[in-house]
Amino acid sequence: MENLGYYNGKYDLIENMTVPMNDRACFFGDGLFEVAYVRNYKIYALDEHMDRLYDGAKALGYNMPITKGEFSSLLYELSSKVDSPDQLLYWQVSRGTEMRSHAPQSELVANIWVTIRPKVMLAPYSPAKLITYPDTRFFHCNMKTLNLLPTVMASIAAKNAEADEAIFHRDGIVTECAHSNLCIIRDDGAIQTAPSDNLILPGVTRAHMVRACKELGITCIEEPYTLDELMNAAEVVIVTSGAQFRPVAEVDGVAVGGRAPEIVKKMQEKLYGDFLEKTNR
């Protein structure tokens, strides 16, 4: 198949699939999602993505219809049906299907959605252009929910500015990007990233970065930092499943970073190299 869409046991080309109007994802965005890259039909960091999904489902009180292991097996089965071995894999669960009601029935069983389309991960070497944008999201950013309107608005602003991403900030304190985590490299060589609290998503690649810092002997500081500190940092770097560790060359039309390329290179070799190694044939 060229691509694949799946919903509760049925699958077809994405453009042929439909979902019930009463799925709570349609009315309330009452769902969670995950995205991972597939290379050579190997799903990168799947266990970590599944852990985050099931942690969120537990916190929100979802009744999951299958176990983590069964869900993982399903994703591999569906991935094998797509012609290209390089894929963008998206999966989500919604609380269930019922007539519109803000307070759901307790016995609802979660719905499973999956889409798979051909895509190759972006190599992390081309510097990005970013803009800054006020963070108007709610206070559950640590859960990967479907409530993405602020992200959509920020992404439209970035597109209109011919930028790659938008940096969210609350009263001048950087949180993360619209689609990614973010870090800075300080002049002392330390990597600083916002703390993993309810204001940011605990990204899988972010966790890989923190672990890589320990292995490489690089100081990693998980503390808030300001827009001023970002603009004056030795490097600004996007941390994401889509490009691993991608340096930023410009923010709001002003050149940034470029003063610690050796640290960027070390992290790219570690993180992107891990992706390549674990998805080799």
C-alpha atoms as a PDB file:
ATOM      1  CA  MET A   1       0.000   0.000   0.000  1.00  0.00           C
ATOM      2  CA  GLU A   2       1.163   3.548  -0.698  1.00  0.00           C
ATOM      3  CA  ASN A   3      -0.057   4.671   2.739  1.00  0.00           C
ATOM      4  CA  LEU A   4      -2.327   3.272   5.414  1.00  0.00           C
ATOM      5  CA  GLY A   5      -5.093   4.450   7.708  1.00  0.00           C
ATOM      6  CA  TYR A   6      -6.451   2.284  10.524  1.00  0.00           C
ATOM      7  CA  TYR A   7      -9.412   2.658  12.860  1.00  0.00           C
ATOM      8  CA  ASN A   8     -10.525   0.013  15.364  1.00  0.00           C
ATOM      9  CA  GLY A   9      -9.665  -3.016  13.241  1.00  0.00           C
ATOM     10  CA  LYS A  10     -10.392  -1.605   9.785  1.00  0.00           C
ATOM     11  CA  TYR A  11      -7.737  -0.254   7.438  1.00  0.00           C
ATOM     12  CA  ASP A  12      -7.409   1.138   3.919  1.00  0.00           C
ATOM     13  CA  LEU A  13      -5.659   3.997   2.169  1.00  0.00           C
ATOM     14  CA  ILE A  14      -5.839   7.053   4.413  1.00  0.00           C
ATOM     15  CA  GLU A  15      -7.996   8.935   1.913  1.00  0.00           C
ATOM     16  CA  ASN A  16     -10.605   6.149   1.997  1.00  0.00           C
ATOM     17  CA  MET A  17     -10.942   5.949   5.784  1.00  0.00           C
ATOM     18  CA  THR A  18     -13.698   7.546   7.883  1.00  0.00           C
ATOM     19  CA  VAL A  19     -14.363   7.779  11.621  1.00  0.00           C
ATOM     20  CA  PRO A  20     -17.648   8.154  13.559  1.00  0.00           C
ATOM     21  CA  MET A  21     -18.827  11.713  14.167  1.00  0.00           C
ATOM     22  CA  ASN A  22     -19.417  10.798  17.822  1.00  0.00           C
ATOM     23  CA  ASP A  23     -15.794   9.884  18.471  1.00  0.00           C
ATOM     24  CA  ARG A  24     -14.840  12.189  21.348  1.00  0.00           C
ATOM     25  CA  ALA A  25     -11.723  13.229  19.464  1.00  0.00           C
ATOM     26  CA  CYS A  26     -13.999  15.081  17.025  1.00  0.00           C
ATOM     27  CA  PHE A  27     -15.906  17.082  19.648  1.00  0.00           C
ATOM     28  CA  PHE A  28     -13.405  17.634  22.431  1.00  0.00           C
ATOM     29  CA  GLY A  29      -9.947  16.642  21.196  1.00  0.00           C
ATOM     30  CA  ASP A  30     -10.296  14.025  23.946  1.00  0.00           C
ATOM     31  CA  GLY A  31      -7.325  11.934  22.945  1.00  0.00           C
ATOM     32  CA  LEU A  32      -3.587  11.358  22.998  1.00  0.00           C
ATOM     33  CA  PHE A  33      -1.155  10.767  20.155  1.00  0.00           C
ATOM     34  CA  GLU A  34       2.389   9.696  19.356  1.00  0.00           C
ATOM     35  CA  VAL A  35       4.623  10.060  16.299  1.00  0.00           C
ATOM     36  CA  ALA A  36       7.700   7.999  15.443  1.00  0.00           C
ATOM     37  CA  TYR A  37       9.931   7.471  12.450  1.00  0.00           C
ATOM     38  CA  VAL A  38      10.329   4.104  10.791  1.00  0.00           C
ATOM     39  CA  ARG A  39      13.422   3.092   8.833  1.00  0.00           C
ATOM     40  CA  ASN A  40      13.843  -0.327   7.231  1.00  0.00           C
ATOM     41  CA  TYR A  41      10.483  -1.188   8.848  1.00  0.00           C
ATOM     42  CA  LYS A  42      12.001  -0.661  12.299  1.00  0.00           C
ATOM     43  CA  ILE A  43      10.120   1.736  14.587  1.00  0.00           C
ATOM     44  CA  TYR A  44      12.580   3.917  16.460  1.00  0.00           C
ATOM     45  CA  ALA A  45      12.190   4.231  20.263  1.00  0.00           C
ATOM     46  CA  LEU A  46       8.776   2.571  20.174  1.00  0.00           C
ATOM     47  CA  ASP A  47       8.849   1.401  23.806  1.00  0.00           C
ATOM     48  CA  GLU A  48       9.434   4.951  25.042  1.00  0.00           C
ATOM     49  CA  HIS A  49       6.614   6.339  22.915  1.00  0.00           C
ATOM     50  CA  MET A  50       4.290   3.618  24.181  1.00  0.00           C
ATOM     51  CA  ASP A  51       5.231   4.268  27.801  1.00  0.00           C
ATOM     52  CA  ARG A  52       4.335   7.955  27.378  1.00  0.00           C
ATOM     53  CA  LEU A  53       1.045   7.114  25.655  1.00  0.00           C
ATOM     54  CA  TYR A  54      -0.062   4.664  28.330  1.00  0.00           C
ATOM     55  CA  ASP A  55       1.051   6.973  31.146  1.00  0.00           C
ATOM     56  CA  GLY A  56      -1.138   9.700  29.638  1.00  0.00           C
ATOM     57  CA  ALA A  57      -4.044   7.297  29.142  1.00  0.00           C
ATOM     58  CA  LYS A  58      -3.852   6.280  32.803  1.00  0.00           C
ATOM     59  CA  ALA A  59      -3.744   9.903  33.955  1.00  0.00           C
ATOM     60  CA  LEU A  60      -6.829  10.729  31.869  1.00  0.00           C
ATOM     61  CA  GLY A  61      -8.750   7.618  32.901  1.00  0.00           C
ATOM     62  CA  TYR A  62      -8.931   5.943  29.481  1.00  0.00           C
ATOM     63  CA  ASN A  63      -9.979   2.298  29.215  1.00  0.00           C
ATOM     64  CA  MET A  64      -7.407   0.964  26.786  1.00  0.00           C
ATOM     65  CA  PRO A  65      -8.634  -1.972  24.669  1.00  0.00           C
ATOM     66  CA  ILE A  66      -5.219  -3.607  24.266  1.00  0.00           C
ATOM     67  CA  THR A  67      -1.931  -3.845  26.153  1.00  0.00           C
ATOM     68  CA  LYS A  68       1.228  -1.946  25.261  1.00  0.00           C
ATOM     69  CA  GLY A  69       2.728  -5.100  23.808  1.00  0.00           C
ATOM     70  CA  GLU A  70      -0.337  -5.811  21.676  1.00  0.00           C
ATOM     71  CA  PHE A  71      -0.418  -2.216  20.448  1.00  0.00           C
ATOM     72  CA  SER A  72       3.266  -2.372  19.505  1.00  0.00           C
ATOM     73  CA  SER A  73       2.713  -5.614  17.587  1.00  0.00           C
ATOM     74  CA  LEU A  74      -0.220  -4.020  15.762  1.00  0.00           C
ATOM     75  CA  LEU A  75       1.938  -1.073  14.679  1.00  0.00           C
ATOM     76  CA  TYR A  76       4.610  -3.392  13.295  1.00  0.00           C
ATOM     77  CA  GLU A  77       1.975  -5.396  11.448  1.00  0.00           C
ATOM     78  CA  LEU A  78       0.475  -2.256   9.883  1.00  0.00           C
ATOM     79  CA  SER A  79       3.896  -0.810   9.053  1.00  0.00           C
ATOM     80  CA  SER A  80       4.774  -3.958   7.086  1.00  0.00           C
ATOM     81  CA  LYS A  81       1.808  -3.351   4.750  1.00  0.00           C
ATOM     82  CA  VAL A  82       3.186  -0.012   3.455  1.00  0.00           C
ATOM     83  CA  ASP A  83       5.410  -0.156   0.380  1.00  0.00           C
ATOM     84  CA  SER A  84       8.102   2.256   1.562  1.00  0.00           C
ATOM     85  CA  PRO A  85      10.353   1.051   4.415  1.00  0.00           C
ATOM     86  CA  ASP A  86      10.889   4.688   5.496  1.00  0.00           C
ATOM     87  CA  GLN A  87       7.746   5.979   7.157  1.00  0.00           C
ATOM     88  CA  LEU A  88       6.180   8.567   9.426  1.00  0.00           C
ATOM     89  CA  LEU A  89       4.063   6.583  11.879  1.00  0.00           C
ATOM     90  CA  TYR A  90       1.274   8.389  13.745  1.00  0.00           C
ATOM     91  CA  TRP A  91      -1.026   6.756  16.239  1.00  0.00           C
ATOM     92  CA  GLN A  92      -3.605   8.083  18.644  1.00  0.00           C
ATOM     93  CA  VAL A  93      -6.268   6.976  21.069  1.00  0.00           C
ATOM     94  CA  SER A  94      -9.471   8.796  21.928  1.00  0.00           C
ATOM     95  CA  ARG A  95     -11.557   8.196  25.027  1.00  0.00           C
ATOM     96  CA  GLY A  96     -14.337   6.507  23.038  1.00  0.00           C
ATOM     97  CA  THR A  97     -17.548   7.036  21.086  1.00  0.00           C
ATOM     98  CA  GLU A  98     -20.821   8.352  22.499  1.00  0.00           C
ATOM     99  CA  MET A  99     -23.380  11.124  21.983  1.00  0.00           C
ATOM    100  CA  ARG A 100     -21.813  14.490  22.754  1.00  0.00           C
ATOM    101  CA  SER A 101     -21.462  14.975  26.492  1.00  0.00           C
ATOM    102  CA  HIS A 102     -18.732  16.827  28.349  1.00  0.00           C
ATOM    103  CA  ALA A 103     -18.684  14.254  31.163  1.00  0.00           C
ATOM    104  CA  PRO A 104     -18.090  10.849  29.542  1.00  0.00           C
ATOM    105  CA  GLN A 105     -19.556   7.510  30.503  1.00  0.00           C
ATOM    106  CA  SER A 106     -17.108   5.615  32.679  1.00  0.00           C
ATOM    107  CA  GLU A 107     -17.438   2.401  30.668  1.00  0.00           C
ATOM    108  CA  LEU A 108     -16.276   3.889  27.349  1.00  0.00           C
ATOM    109  CA  VAL A 109     -13.510   1.954  25.594  1.00  0.00           C
ATOM    110  CA  ALA A 110     -10.788   3.908  23.826  1.00  0.00           C
ATOM    111  CA  ASN A 111     -10.642   4.074  20.018  1.00  0.00           C
ATOM    112  CA  ILE A 112      -7.396   3.407  18.145  1.00  0.00           C
ATOM    113  CA  TRP A 113      -6.347   5.425  15.099  1.00  0.00           C
ATOM    114  CA  VAL A 114      -3.177   4.904  13.038  1.00  0.00           C
ATOM    115  CA  THR A 115      -1.837   6.613   9.919  1.00  0.00           C
ATOM    116  CA  ILE A 116       1.345   5.648   8.092  1.00  0.00           C
ATOM    117  CA  ARG A 117       2.863   7.476   5.139  1.00  0.00           C
ATOM    118  CA  PRO A 118       6.243   7.414   3.417  1.00  0.00           C
ATOM    119  CA  LYS A 119       8.741   9.862   4.892  1.00  0.00           C
ATOM    120  CA  VAL A 120      12.480   9.990   5.571  1.00  0.00           C
ATOM    121  CA  MET A 121      13.741  11.629   8.748  1.00  0.00           C
ATOM    122  CA  LEU A 122      15.326  15.028   8.128  1.00  0.00           C
ATOM    123  CA  ALA A 123      19.083  14.895   8.655  1.00  0.00           C
ATOM    124  CA  PRO A 124      19.957  17.324  11.467  1.00  0.00           C
ATOM    125  CA  TYR A 125      22.640  19.296   9.685  1.00  0.00           C
ATOM    126  CA  SER A 126      20.775  22.154   7.971  1.00  0.00           C
ATOM    127  CA  PRO A 127      20.358  25.110  10.377  1.00  0.00           C
ATOM    128  CA  ALA A 128      16.793  26.192  11.112  1.00  0.00           C
ATOM    129  CA  LYS A 129      15.065  29.574  11.193  1.00  0.00           C
ATOM    130  CA  LEU A 130      12.703  30.188  14.111  1.00  0.00           C
ATOM    131  CA  ILE A 131      10.338  32.834  15.411  1.00  0.00           C
ATOM    132  CA  THR A 132       9.171  33.504  18.951  1.00  0.00           C
ATOM    133  CA  TYR A 133       5.505  33.168  19.893  1.00  0.00           C
ATOM    134  CA  PRO A 134       3.554  33.549  23.163  1.00  0.00           C
ATOM    135  CA  ASP A 135       2.742  30.226  24.820  1.00  0.00           C
ATOM    136  CA  THR A 136      -1.034  30.289  25.293  1.00  0.00           C
ATOM    137  CA  ARG A 137      -1.434  26.553  25.881  1.00  0.00           C
ATOM    138  CA  PHE A 138      -3.072  25.107  28.970  1.00  0.00           C
ATOM    139  CA  PHE A 139      -1.199  23.559  31.885  1.00  0.00           C
ATOM    140  CA  HIS A 140      -1.132  19.924  30.789  1.00  0.00           C
ATOM    141  CA  CYS A 141       1.615  20.216  28.178  1.00  0.00           C
ATOM    142  CA  ASN A 142       3.301  17.136  29.672  1.00  0.00           C
ATOM    143  CA  MET A 143       0.560  14.992  28.088  1.00  0.00           C
ATOM    144  CA  LYS A 144       0.596  14.652  24.298  1.00  0.00           C
ATOM    145  CA  THR A 145      -3.075  15.514  23.829  1.00  0.00           C
ATOM    146  CA  LEU A 146      -4.950  16.339  20.635  1.00  0.00           C
ATOM    147  CA  ASN A 147      -5.660  19.897  21.831  1.00  0.00           C
ATOM    148  CA  LEU A 148      -3.268  21.595  19.427  1.00  0.00           C
ATOM    149  CA  LEU A 149      -4.956  24.857  18.412  1.00  0.00           C
ATOM    150  CA  PRO A 150      -2.196  27.059  19.954  1.00  0.00           C
ATOM    151  CA  THR A 151       0.368  24.936  18.107  1.00  0.00           C
ATOM    152  CA  VAL A 152      -1.562  25.376  14.863  1.00  0.00           C
ATOM    153  CA  MET A 153      -1.647  29.152  15.351  1.00  0.00           C
ATOM    154  CA  ALA A 154       2.069  29.288  16.113  1.00  0.00           C
ATOM    155  CA  SER A 155       2.844  27.103  13.094  1.00  0.00           C
ATOM    156  CA  ILE A 156       0.830  29.380  10.806  1.00  0.00           C
ATOM    157  CA  ALA A 157       2.779  32.364  12.147  1.00  0.00           C
ATOM    158  CA  ALA A 158       6.064  30.536  11.496  1.00  0.00           C
ATOM    159  CA  LYS A 159       5.006  29.600   7.979  1.00  0.00           C
ATOM    160  CA  ASN A 160       3.989  33.193   7.220  1.00  0.00           C
ATOM    161  CA  ALA A 161       7.413  34.325   8.420  1.00  0.00           C
ATOM    162  CA  GLU A 162       9.105  31.669   6.234  1.00  0.00           C
ATOM    163  CA  ALA A 163      10.489  30.037   9.375  1.00  0.00           C
ATOM    164  CA  ASP A 164      10.784  26.369  10.317  1.00  0.00           C
ATOM    165  CA  GLU A 165       9.415  26.482  13.853  1.00  0.00           C
ATOM    166  CA  ALA A 166       8.019  28.723  16.597  1.00  0.00           C
ATOM    167  CA  ILE A 167       9.548  29.076  20.058  1.00  0.00           C
ATOM    168  CA  PHE A 168       6.940  29.205  22.811  1.00  0.00           C
ATOM    169  CA  HIS A 169       7.554  31.491  25.797  1.00  0.00           C
ATOM    170  CA  ARG A 170       5.567  32.465  28.882  1.00  0.00           C
ATOM    171  CA  ASP A 171       6.370  36.003  30.088  1.00  0.00           C
ATOM    172  CA  GLY A 172       9.822  35.825  28.537  1.00  0.00           C
ATOM    173  CA  ILE A 173      10.645  32.330  29.849  1.00  0.00           C
ATOM    174  CA  VAL A 174      11.255  29.784  27.080  1.00  0.00           C
ATOM    175  CA  THR A 175       9.253  26.557  27.317  1.00  0.00           C
ATOM    176  CA  GLU A 176       9.703  24.641  24.045  1.00  0.00           C
ATOM    177  CA  CYS A 177       8.845  24.843  20.348  1.00  0.00           C
ATOM    178  CA  ALA A 178       5.483  24.233  18.715  1.00  0.00           C
ATOM    179  CA  HIS A 179       6.514  20.737  17.557  1.00  0.00           C
ATOM    180  CA  SER A 180       9.754  20.154  19.418  1.00  0.00           C
ATOM    181  CA  ASN A 181      11.742  20.529  22.581  1.00  0.00           C
ATOM    182  CA  LEU A 182      14.480  23.156  22.580  1.00  0.00           C
ATOM    183  CA  CYS A 183      17.808  23.614  24.281  1.00  0.00           C
ATOM    184  CA  ILE A 184      20.638  26.116  24.363  1.00  0.00           C
ATOM    185  CA  ILE A 185      24.365  25.542  24.653  1.00  0.00           C
ATOM    186  CA  ARG A 186      25.911  28.051  27.029  1.00  0.00           C
ATOM    187  CA  ASP A 187      29.313  29.684  26.648  1.00  0.00           C
ATOM    188  CA  ASP A 188      30.635  27.381  29.383  1.00  0.00           C
ATOM    189  CA  GLY A 189      29.734  24.353  27.219  1.00  0.00           C
ATOM    190  CA  ALA A 190      26.736  23.233  29.281  1.00  0.00           C
ATOM    191  CA  ILE A 191      23.482  22.283  27.592  1.00  0.00           C
ATOM    192  CA  GLN A 192      20.430  23.872  29.208  1.00  0.00           C
ATOM    193  CA  THR A 193      16.834  22.828  28.638  1.00  0.00           C
ATOM    194  CA  ALA A 194      13.564  23.688  30.341  1.00  0.00           C
ATOM    195  CA  PRO A 195      12.669  21.374  33.241  1.00  0.00           C
ATOM    196  CA  SER A 196      10.402  18.421  32.547  1.00  0.00           C
ATOM    197  CA  ASP A 197       7.266  19.716  34.242  1.00  0.00           C
ATOM    198  CA  ASN A 198       3.693  20.349  33.137  1.00  0.00           C
ATOM    199  CA  LEU A 199       4.736  23.225  30.848  1.00  0.00           C
ATOM    200  CA  ILE A 200       6.563  21.078  28.298  1.00  0.00           C
ATOM    201  CA  LEU A 201       6.205  17.687  26.676  1.00  0.00           C
ATOM    202  CA  PRO A 202       8.718  15.154  28.041  1.00  0.00           C
ATOM    203  CA  GLY A 203      10.101  14.429  24.586  1.00  0.00           C
ATOM    204  CA  VAL A 204      11.625  11.063  23.796  1.00  0.00           C
ATOM    205  CA  THR A 205      14.543  12.717  21.976  1.00  0.00           C
ATOM    206  CA  ARG A 206      14.921  15.146  24.883  1.00  0.00           C
ATOM    207  CA  ALA A 207      15.369  12.153  27.198  1.00  0.00           C
ATOM    208  CA  HIS A 208      17.918  10.709  24.763  1.00  0.00           C
ATOM    209  CA  MET A 209      19.752  14.055  24.814  1.00  0.00           C
ATOM    210  CA  VAL A 210      19.921  14.143  28.613  1.00  0.00           C
ATOM    211  CA  ARG A 211      21.269  10.595  28.647  1.00  0.00           C
ATOM    212  CA  ALA A 212      23.779  11.389  25.877  1.00  0.00           C
ATOM    213  CA  CYS A 213      25.112  14.348  27.867  1.00  0.00           C
ATOM    214  CA  LYS A 214      25.925  12.047  30.770  1.00  0.00           C
ATOM    215  CA  GLU A 215      27.636   9.560  28.472  1.00  0.00           C
ATOM    216  CA  LEU A 216      29.668  12.279  26.743  1.00  0.00           C
ATOM    217  CA  GLY A 217      30.579  14.139  29.921  1.00  0.00           C
ATOM    218  CA  ILE A 218      28.621  17.263  28.936  1.00  0.00           C
ATOM    219  CA  THR A 219      26.902  19.160  31.721  1.00  0.00           C
ATOM    220  CA  CYS A 220      23.127  19.181  31.275  1.00  0.00           C
ATOM    221  CA  ILE A 221      21.108  21.758  33.212  1.00  0.00           C
ATOM    222  CA  GLU A 222      17.335  21.293  33.394  1.00  0.00           C
ATOM    223  CA  GLU A 223      16.339  24.792  34.455  1.00  0.00           C
ATOM    224  CA  PRO A 224      14.274  27.629  32.927  1.00  0.00           C
ATOM    225  CA  TYR A 225      16.016  30.187  30.743  1.00  0.00           C
ATOM    226  CA  THR A 226      14.898  33.467  29.215  1.00  0.00           C
ATOM    227  CA  LEU A 227      14.533  34.695  25.667  1.00  0.00           C
ATOM    228  CA  ASP A 228      17.495  37.009  26.290  1.00  0.00           C
ATOM    229  CA  GLU A 229      19.636  34.055  27.336  1.00  0.00           C
ATOM    230  CA  LEU A 230      18.500  32.175  24.235  1.00  0.00           C
ATOM    231  CA  MET A 231      19.369  35.040  21.898  1.00  0.00           C
ATOM    232  CA  ASN A 232      22.860  35.292  23.420  1.00  0.00           C
ATOM    233  CA  ALA A 233      23.581  31.560  23.750  1.00  0.00           C
ATOM    234  CA  ALA A 234      26.536  29.891  22.063  1.00  0.00           C
ATOM    235  CA  GLU A 235      24.037  27.637  20.262  1.00  0.00           C
ATOM    236  CA  VAL A 236      20.273  27.205  20.023  1.00  0.00           C
ATOM    237  CA  VAL A 237      19.168  23.685  19.101  1.00  0.00           C
ATOM    238  CA  ILE A 238      15.857  22.014  18.218  1.00  0.00           C
ATOM    239  CA  VAL A 239      15.514  18.601  19.892  1.00  0.00           C
ATOM    240  CA  THR A 240      12.946  16.471  18.085  1.00  0.00           C
ATOM    241  CA  SER A 241      12.143  13.005  16.777  1.00  0.00           C
ATOM    242  CA  GLY A 242      12.002  14.540  13.295  1.00  0.00           C
ATOM    243  CA  ALA A 243      15.623  15.740  13.180  1.00  0.00           C
ATOM    244  CA  GLN A 244      17.189  14.709  16.512  1.00  0.00           C
ATOM    245  CA  PHE A 245      19.545  17.668  17.234  1.00  0.00           C
ATOM    246  CA  ARG A 246      19.150  20.484  14.706  1.00  0.00           C
ATOM    247  CA  PRO A 247      20.976  23.787  15.229  1.00  0.00           C
ATOM    248  CA  VAL A 248      19.212  27.125  14.824  1.00  0.00           C
ATOM    249  CA  ALA A 249      20.783  29.907  12.772  1.00  0.00           C
ATOM    250  CA  GLU A 250      18.174  32.641  13.140  1.00  0.00           C
ATOM    251  CA  VAL A 251      15.457  33.721  15.577  1.00  0.00           C
ATOM    252  CA  ASP A 252      13.062  36.521  14.625  1.00  0.00           C
ATOM    253  CA  GLY A 253      15.388  37.471  11.797  1.00  0.00           C
ATOM    254  CA  VAL A 254      18.427  37.813  14.078  1.00  0.00           C
ATOM    255  CA  ALA A 255      21.448  35.510  13.721  1.00  0.00           C
ATOM    256  CA  VAL A 256      22.037  33.275  16.755  1.00  0.00           C
ATOM    257  CA  GLY A 257      24.462  30.574  17.821  1.00  0.00           C
ATOM    258  CA  GLY A 258      27.344  29.277  15.776  1.00  0.00           C
ATOM    259  CA  ARG A 259      29.853  29.431  18.636  1.00  0.00           C
ATOM    260  CA  ALA A 260      29.939  25.784  19.772  1.00  0.00           C
ATOM    261  CA  PRO A 261      29.840  23.676  16.594  1.00  0.00           C
ATOM    262  CA  GLU A 262      32.005  20.946  18.103  1.00  0.00           C
ATOM    263  CA  ILE A 263      29.433  20.243  20.821  1.00  0.00           C
ATOM    264  CA  VAL A 264      26.622  20.250  18.265  1.00  0.00           C
ATOM    265  CA  LYS A 265      28.556  17.768  16.154  1.00  0.00           C
ATOM    266  CA  LYS A 266      29.163  15.443  19.113  1.00  0.00           C
ATOM    267  CA  MET A 267      25.484  15.415  19.987  1.00  0.00           C
ATOM    268  CA  GLN A 268      24.425  14.882  16.382  1.00  0.00           C
ATOM    269  CA  GLU A 269      26.792  11.955  16.029  1.00  0.00           C
ATOM    270  CA  LYS A 270      25.435  10.466  19.245  1.00  0.00           C
ATOM    271  CA  LEU A 271      21.708  10.994  18.680  1.00  0.00           C
ATOM    272  CA  TYR A 272      21.324  10.695  14.920  1.00  0.00           C
ATOM    273  CA  GLY A 273      23.908   7.934  14.951  1.00  0.00           C
ATOM    274  CA  ASP A 274      21.798   5.997  17.450  1.00  0.00           C
ATOM    275  CA  PHE A 275      18.758   6.314  15.176  1.00  0.00           C
ATOM    276  CA  LEU A 276      20.733   5.021  12.180  1.00  0.00           C
ATOM    277  CA  GLU A 277      22.288   2.180  14.152  1.00  0.00           C
ATOM    278  CA  LYS A 278      19.019   0.936  15.641  1.00  0.00           C
ATOM    279  CA  THR A 279      17.137   1.078  12.347  1.00  0.00           C
ATOM    280  CA  ASN A 280      19.775  -0.603  10.171  1.00  0.00           C
ATOM    281  CA  ARG A 281      18.770  -3.770   8.385  1.00  0.00           C
END
